[in-house]
Amino acid sequence: MTNNLQAGLWRTNITPPVNVPMAGGFYDVPIKGIKTQLYANTLVLDDGIKEIAIVSADVCMIPNNLAAEIINEIQRCSGIKSENIILAASHTHKGPKLHDEI
């Protein structure tokens, strides 16, 4: 057993181009311009026994089928078990509409 905790951070810009539909159902217009960049942020923690990943994205919501795809891809690329991956949406209504979003 190790007493060392390792942590890694990653941030990537996920700002969509203009003319993408906005999320949340309150707007029936595409995104006309970009005021603020949108990001996905990831924190990975590893204590030598277990790795966990926490991912937050600047989107309104992450549909279940898309969340499953994202978790599977994270597991495939990193080896982190799917049960140790947490996805969260910041719930912005000024972000892109994701497929299958209500």
C-alpha atoms as a PDB file:
ATOM      1  CA  MET A   1       0.000   0.000   0.000  1.00  0.00           C
ATOM      2  CA  THR A   2       1.242   3.435  -0.880  1.00  0.00           C
ATOM      3  CA  ASN A   3       0.786   6.699   1.005  1.00  0.00           C
ATOM      4  CA  ASN A   4       1.185   8.769  -2.136  1.00  0.00           C
ATOM      5  CA  LEU A   5      -1.739  10.406  -3.829  1.00  0.00           C
ATOM      6  CA  GLN A   6      -1.214  11.526  -7.381  1.00  0.00           C
ATOM      7  CA  ALA A   7      -3.503  14.001  -9.104  1.00  0.00           C
ATOM      8  CA  GLY A   8      -3.779  15.172 -12.673  1.00  0.00           C
ATOM      9  CA  LEU A   9      -5.831  17.960 -14.220  1.00  0.00           C
ATOM     10  CA  TRP A  10      -6.862  18.508 -17.810  1.00  0.00           C
ATOM     11  CA  ARG A  11      -8.928  21.245 -19.399  1.00  0.00           C
ATOM     12  CA  THR A  12     -10.033  21.339 -22.998  1.00  0.00           C
ATOM     13  CA  ASN A  13     -12.020  23.910 -24.911  1.00  0.00           C
ATOM     14  CA  ILE A  14     -15.367  22.515 -26.133  1.00  0.00           C
ATOM     15  CA  THR A  15     -16.813  25.774 -27.484  1.00  0.00           C
ATOM     16  CA  PRO A  16     -18.959  24.929 -30.507  1.00  0.00           C
ATOM     17  CA  PRO A  17     -19.030  27.003 -33.668  1.00  0.00           C
ATOM     18  CA  VAL A  18     -21.802  29.536 -34.256  1.00  0.00           C
ATOM     19  CA  ASN A  19     -25.099  28.303 -35.735  1.00  0.00           C
ATOM     20  CA  VAL A  20     -25.234  25.255 -33.430  1.00  0.00           C
ATOM     21  CA  PRO A  21     -28.632  24.994 -31.652  1.00  0.00           C
ATOM     22  CA  MET A  22     -28.652  26.209 -28.029  1.00  0.00           C
ATOM     23  CA  ALA A  23     -29.537  23.841 -25.210  1.00  0.00           C
ATOM     24  CA  GLY A  24     -32.259  23.744 -22.632  1.00  0.00           C
ATOM     25  CA  GLY A  25     -35.397  24.272 -24.692  1.00  0.00           C
ATOM     26  CA  PHE A  26     -35.714  27.980 -23.847  1.00  0.00           C
ATOM     27  CA  TYR A  27     -34.264  29.160 -27.129  1.00  0.00           C
ATOM     28  CA  ASP A  28     -35.325  28.292 -30.631  1.00  0.00           C
ATOM     29  CA  VAL A  29     -32.344  29.942 -32.252  1.00  0.00           C
ATOM     30  CA  PRO A  30     -28.815  28.812 -32.985  1.00  0.00           C
ATOM     31  CA  ILE A  31     -25.813  30.238 -31.196  1.00  0.00           C
ATOM     32  CA  LYS A  32     -25.137  33.603 -32.864  1.00  0.00           C
ATOM     33  CA  GLY A  33     -21.798  34.451 -31.302  1.00  0.00           C
ATOM     34  CA  ILE A  34     -19.360  33.457 -28.592  1.00  0.00           C
ATOM     35  CA  LYS A  35     -19.033  35.557 -25.427  1.00  0.00           C
ATOM     36  CA  THR A  36     -17.492  32.925 -23.171  1.00  0.00           C
ATOM     37  CA  GLN A  37     -15.515  29.826 -24.008  1.00  0.00           C
ATOM     38  CA  LEU A  38     -16.920  26.485 -22.826  1.00  0.00           C
ATOM     39  CA  TYR A  39     -14.678  23.831 -21.281  1.00  0.00           C
ATOM     40  CA  ALA A  40     -14.534  20.251 -20.140  1.00  0.00           C
ATOM     41  CA  ASN A  41     -12.428  19.853 -16.999  1.00  0.00           C
ATOM     42  CA  THR A  42     -11.058  16.587 -15.653  1.00  0.00           C
ATOM     43  CA  LEU A  43      -9.511  15.644 -12.327  1.00  0.00           C
ATOM     44  CA  VAL A  44      -7.901  12.203 -12.010  1.00  0.00           C
ATOM     45  CA  LEU A  45      -6.843  10.907  -8.592  1.00  0.00           C
ATOM     46  CA  ASP A  46      -4.719   7.801  -8.030  1.00  0.00           C
ATOM     47  CA  ASP A  47      -3.686   6.453  -4.630  1.00  0.00           C
ATOM     48  CA  GLY A  48      -1.870   3.440  -6.065  1.00  0.00           C
ATOM     49  CA  ILE A  49      -4.871   1.213  -5.443  1.00  0.00           C
ATOM     50  CA  LYS A  50      -7.712   2.989  -7.178  1.00  0.00           C
ATOM     51  CA  GLU A  51      -7.964   5.641  -9.866  1.00  0.00           C
ATOM     52  CA  ILE A  52     -10.959   7.928 -10.188  1.00  0.00           C
ATOM     53  CA  ALA A  53     -11.860  10.524 -12.790  1.00  0.00           C
ATOM     54  CA  ILE A  54     -14.210  13.453 -12.316  1.00  0.00           C
ATOM     55  CA  VAL A  55     -15.226  15.199 -15.531  1.00  0.00           C
ATOM     56  CA  SER A  56     -17.300  18.377 -15.711  1.00  0.00           C
ATOM     57  CA  ALA A  57     -18.477  19.900 -18.971  1.00  0.00           C
ATOM     58  CA  ASP A  58     -20.025  23.276 -19.732  1.00  0.00           C
ATOM     59  CA  VAL A  59     -23.222  21.838 -21.211  1.00  0.00           C
ATOM     60  CA  CYS A  60     -26.839  21.861 -20.058  1.00  0.00           C
ATOM     61  CA  MET A  61     -27.068  18.096 -19.589  1.00  0.00           C
ATOM     62  CA  ILE A  62     -25.427  14.889 -20.753  1.00  0.00           C
ATOM     63  CA  PRO A  63     -27.987  12.408 -22.100  1.00  0.00           C
ATOM     64  CA  ASN A  64     -27.637   8.898 -20.656  1.00  0.00           C
ATOM     65  CA  ASN A  65     -26.628   7.273 -23.940  1.00  0.00           C
ATOM     66  CA  LEU A  66     -23.957   9.922 -24.551  1.00  0.00           C
ATOM     67  CA  ALA A  67     -22.733   9.645 -20.948  1.00  0.00           C
ATOM     68  CA  ALA A  68     -22.317   5.884 -21.425  1.00  0.00           C
ATOM     69  CA  GLU A  69     -20.302   6.472 -24.611  1.00  0.00           C
ATOM     70  CA  ILE A  70     -18.072   9.017 -22.861  1.00  0.00           C
ATOM     71  CA  ILE A  71     -17.486   6.733 -19.857  1.00  0.00           C
ATOM     72  CA  ASN A  72     -16.670   3.786 -22.127  1.00  0.00           C
ATOM     73  CA  GLU A  73     -14.182   5.886 -24.086  1.00  0.00           C
ATOM     74  CA  ILE A  74     -12.519   7.176 -20.896  1.00  0.00           C
ATOM     75  CA  GLN A  75     -12.229   3.595 -19.632  1.00  0.00           C
ATOM     76  CA  ARG A  76     -10.854   2.382 -22.972  1.00  0.00           C
ATOM     77  CA  CYS A  77      -8.242   5.140 -23.199  1.00  0.00           C
ATOM     78  CA  SER A  78      -7.200   5.352 -19.551  1.00  0.00           C
ATOM     79  CA  GLY A  79      -7.957   2.000 -17.971  1.00  0.00           C
ATOM     80  CA  ILE A  80      -9.973   3.724 -15.235  1.00  0.00           C
ATOM     81  CA  LYS A  81     -12.921   1.501 -14.326  1.00  0.00           C
ATOM     82  CA  SER A  82     -16.291   2.855 -15.418  1.00  0.00           C
ATOM     83  CA  GLU A  83     -17.629   2.753 -11.846  1.00  0.00           C
ATOM     84  CA  ASN A  84     -14.835   5.164 -10.884  1.00  0.00           C
ATOM     85  CA  ILE A  85     -15.776   7.808 -13.463  1.00  0.00           C
ATOM     86  CA  ILE A  86     -18.094  10.695 -12.595  1.00  0.00           C
ATOM     87  CA  LEU A  87     -19.567  12.966 -15.280  1.00  0.00           C
ATOM     88  CA  ALA A  88     -21.187  16.294 -14.457  1.00  0.00           C
ATOM     89  CA  ALA A  89     -22.738  19.077 -16.514  1.00  0.00           C
ATOM     90  CA  SER A  90     -22.498  22.696 -15.374  1.00  0.00           C
ATOM     91  CA  HIS A  91     -26.093  23.090 -16.623  1.00  0.00           C
ATOM     92  CA  THR A  92     -25.601  26.161 -18.780  1.00  0.00           C
ATOM     93  CA  HIS A  93     -28.498  27.009 -21.086  1.00  0.00           C
ATOM     94  CA  LYS A  94     -26.116  29.058 -23.224  1.00  0.00           C
ATOM     95  CA  GLY A  95     -24.221  26.006 -24.446  1.00  0.00           C
ATOM     96  CA  PRO A  96     -24.793  23.631 -27.351  1.00  0.00           C
ATOM     97  CA  LYS A  97     -27.716  21.262 -27.607  1.00  0.00           C
ATOM     98  CA  LEU A  98     -26.388  17.706 -27.459  1.00  0.00           C
ATOM     99  CA  HIS A  99     -28.027  14.971 -29.503  1.00  0.00           C
ATOM    100  CA  ASP A 100     -31.032  13.333 -27.790  1.00  0.00           C
ATOM    101  CA  GLU A 101     -31.336  16.264 -25.384  1.00  0.00           C
ATOM    102  CA  ILE A 102     -34.900  17.021 -24.421  1.00  0.00           C
END
